[in-house]
């Protein structure tokens, strides 16, 4: 399995709605609303990097209220 953290900036007042919607997407392991420059942080996983990319581009980024995402791949050091 490959994993990535997705840092999400939402429209003002939409963090709760965005987090709730993303939490229902298969492949999402954890969703947290946070403070700072990002509003929601998501841990997602998939079998391959391509599958993970598809999850992010085809599902997560289509959730209403998202303005911008930054994906950080997990590496095993």
C-alpha atoms as a PDB file:
ATOM      1  CA  UNK A   1       0.000   0.000   0.000  1.00  0.00           C
ATOM      2  CA  UNK A   2       1.105   3.568  -0.687  1.00  0.00           C
ATOM      3  CA  UNK A   3      -0.045   6.470   1.441  1.00  0.00           C
ATOM      4  CA  UNK A   4      -0.128  10.238   1.204  1.00  0.00           C
ATOM      5  CA  UNK A   5      -1.196  13.169   3.307  1.00  0.00           C
ATOM      6  CA  UNK A   6      -3.395  15.645   1.477  1.00  0.00           C
ATOM      7  CA  UNK A   7      -3.333  19.191   2.860  1.00  0.00           C
ATOM      8  CA  UNK A   8      -6.488  21.062   1.912  1.00  0.00           C
ATOM      9  CA  UNK A   9      -7.442  24.725   1.881  1.00  0.00           C
ATOM     10  CA  UNK A  10     -11.197  25.233   1.871  1.00  0.00           C
ATOM     11  CA  UNK A  11     -13.520  28.113   1.256  1.00  0.00           C
ATOM     12  CA  UNK A  12     -14.223  30.091   4.436  1.00  0.00           C
ATOM     13  CA  UNK A  13     -16.594  28.183   6.697  1.00  0.00           C
ATOM     14  CA  UNK A  14     -16.519  24.970   4.634  1.00  0.00           C
ATOM     15  CA  UNK A  15     -13.918  22.903   6.539  1.00  0.00           C
ATOM     16  CA  UNK A  16     -16.515  20.811   8.399  1.00  0.00           C
ATOM     17  CA  UNK A  17     -18.501  20.027   5.231  1.00  0.00           C
ATOM     18  CA  UNK A  18     -15.359  19.186   3.260  1.00  0.00           C
ATOM     19  CA  UNK A  19     -14.009  16.915   6.009  1.00  0.00           C
ATOM     20  CA  UNK A  20     -17.340  15.096   6.315  1.00  0.00           C
ATOM     21  CA  UNK A  21     -17.582  14.499   2.560  1.00  0.00           C
ATOM     22  CA  UNK A  22     -13.986  13.308   2.224  1.00  0.00           C
ATOM     23  CA  UNK A  23     -14.399  10.930   5.146  1.00  0.00           C
ATOM     24  CA  UNK A  24     -16.913   8.943   3.050  1.00  0.00           C
ATOM     25  CA  UNK A  25     -14.493   8.338   0.163  1.00  0.00           C
ATOM     26  CA  UNK A  26     -13.073   4.783  -0.010  1.00  0.00           C
ATOM     27  CA  UNK A  27      -9.299   4.861   0.496  1.00  0.00           C
ATOM     28  CA  UNK A  28      -9.415   7.703   3.001  1.00  0.00           C
ATOM     29  CA  UNK A  29      -7.904   6.473   6.267  1.00  0.00           C
ATOM     30  CA  UNK A  30      -8.244   9.604   8.404  1.00  0.00           C
ATOM     31  CA  UNK A  31      -9.572  13.152   8.105  1.00  0.00           C
ATOM     32  CA  UNK A  32      -8.822  15.978  10.546  1.00  0.00           C
ATOM     33  CA  UNK A  33      -9.816  19.633  10.625  1.00  0.00           C
ATOM     34  CA  UNK A  34      -6.752  21.634  11.656  1.00  0.00           C
ATOM     35  CA  UNK A  35      -5.614  25.197  12.272  1.00  0.00           C
ATOM     36  CA  UNK A  36      -2.967  27.042  10.288  1.00  0.00           C
ATOM     37  CA  UNK A  37      -2.578  27.603   6.561  1.00  0.00           C
ATOM     38  CA  UNK A  38      -4.548  24.426   5.781  1.00  0.00           C
ATOM     39  CA  UNK A  39      -8.042  23.630   6.990  1.00  0.00           C
ATOM     40  CA  UNK A  40      -8.257  19.853   6.546  1.00  0.00           C
ATOM     41  CA  UNK A  41      -5.579  17.143   6.532  1.00  0.00           C
ATOM     42  CA  UNK A  42      -6.347  13.749   5.007  1.00  0.00           C
ATOM     43  CA  UNK A  43      -4.433  10.467   5.135  1.00  0.00           C
ATOM     44  CA  UNK A  44      -5.267   8.352   2.090  1.00  0.00           C
ATOM     45  CA  UNK A  45      -3.983   5.005   0.849  1.00  0.00           C
ATOM     46  CA  UNK A  46      -4.194   2.852  -2.260  1.00  0.00           C
ATOM     47  CA  UNK A  47      -2.516  -0.207  -3.762  1.00  0.00           C
ATOM     48  CA  UNK A  48      -0.412   1.751  -6.274  1.00  0.00           C
ATOM     49  CA  UNK A  49       0.779   5.296  -6.824  1.00  0.00           C
ATOM     50  CA  UNK A  50      -1.465   5.487  -9.876  1.00  0.00           C
ATOM     51  CA  UNK A  51      -4.488   4.392  -7.845  1.00  0.00           C
ATOM     52  CA  UNK A  52      -3.637   6.968  -5.193  1.00  0.00           C
ATOM     53  CA  UNK A  53      -3.334   9.678  -7.835  1.00  0.00           C
ATOM     54  CA  UNK A  54      -6.703   8.681  -9.242  1.00  0.00           C
ATOM     55  CA  UNK A  55      -8.283   8.851  -5.795  1.00  0.00           C
ATOM     56  CA  UNK A  56      -6.940  12.354  -5.247  1.00  0.00           C
ATOM     57  CA  UNK A  57      -7.661  13.781  -8.698  1.00  0.00           C
ATOM     58  CA  UNK A  58     -10.953  12.021  -9.420  1.00  0.00           C
ATOM     59  CA  UNK A  59     -12.560  12.006  -5.984  1.00  0.00           C
ATOM     60  CA  UNK A  60     -10.980  14.248  -3.343  1.00  0.00           C
ATOM     61  CA  UNK A  61     -10.468  17.287  -5.564  1.00  0.00           C
ATOM     62  CA  UNK A  62     -14.103  17.157  -6.731  1.00  0.00           C
ATOM     63  CA  UNK A  63     -15.500  17.727  -3.231  1.00  0.00           C
ATOM     64  CA  UNK A  64     -17.329  21.093  -3.176  1.00  0.00           C
ATOM     65  CA  UNK A  65     -15.657  23.767  -1.063  1.00  0.00           C
ATOM     66  CA  UNK A  66     -12.031  22.840  -1.783  1.00  0.00           C
ATOM     67  CA  UNK A  67      -9.872  25.680  -3.044  1.00  0.00           C
ATOM     68  CA  UNK A  68      -6.431  24.033  -3.165  1.00  0.00           C
ATOM     69  CA  UNK A  69      -4.692  20.768  -2.273  1.00  0.00           C
ATOM     70  CA  UNK A  70      -1.095  19.797  -1.607  1.00  0.00           C
ATOM     71  CA  UNK A  71      -0.218  16.092  -1.625  1.00  0.00           C
ATOM     72  CA  UNK A  72       2.698  14.751   0.424  1.00  0.00           C
ATOM     73  CA  UNK A  73       3.644  11.135  -0.273  1.00  0.00           C
ATOM     74  CA  UNK A  74       4.629   8.962   2.683  1.00  0.00           C
ATOM     75  CA  UNK A  75       8.104   7.436   2.372  1.00  0.00           C
ATOM     76  CA  UNK A  76       9.588   4.643   4.446  1.00  0.00           C
ATOM     77  CA  UNK A  77      13.054   5.683   5.559  1.00  0.00           C
END
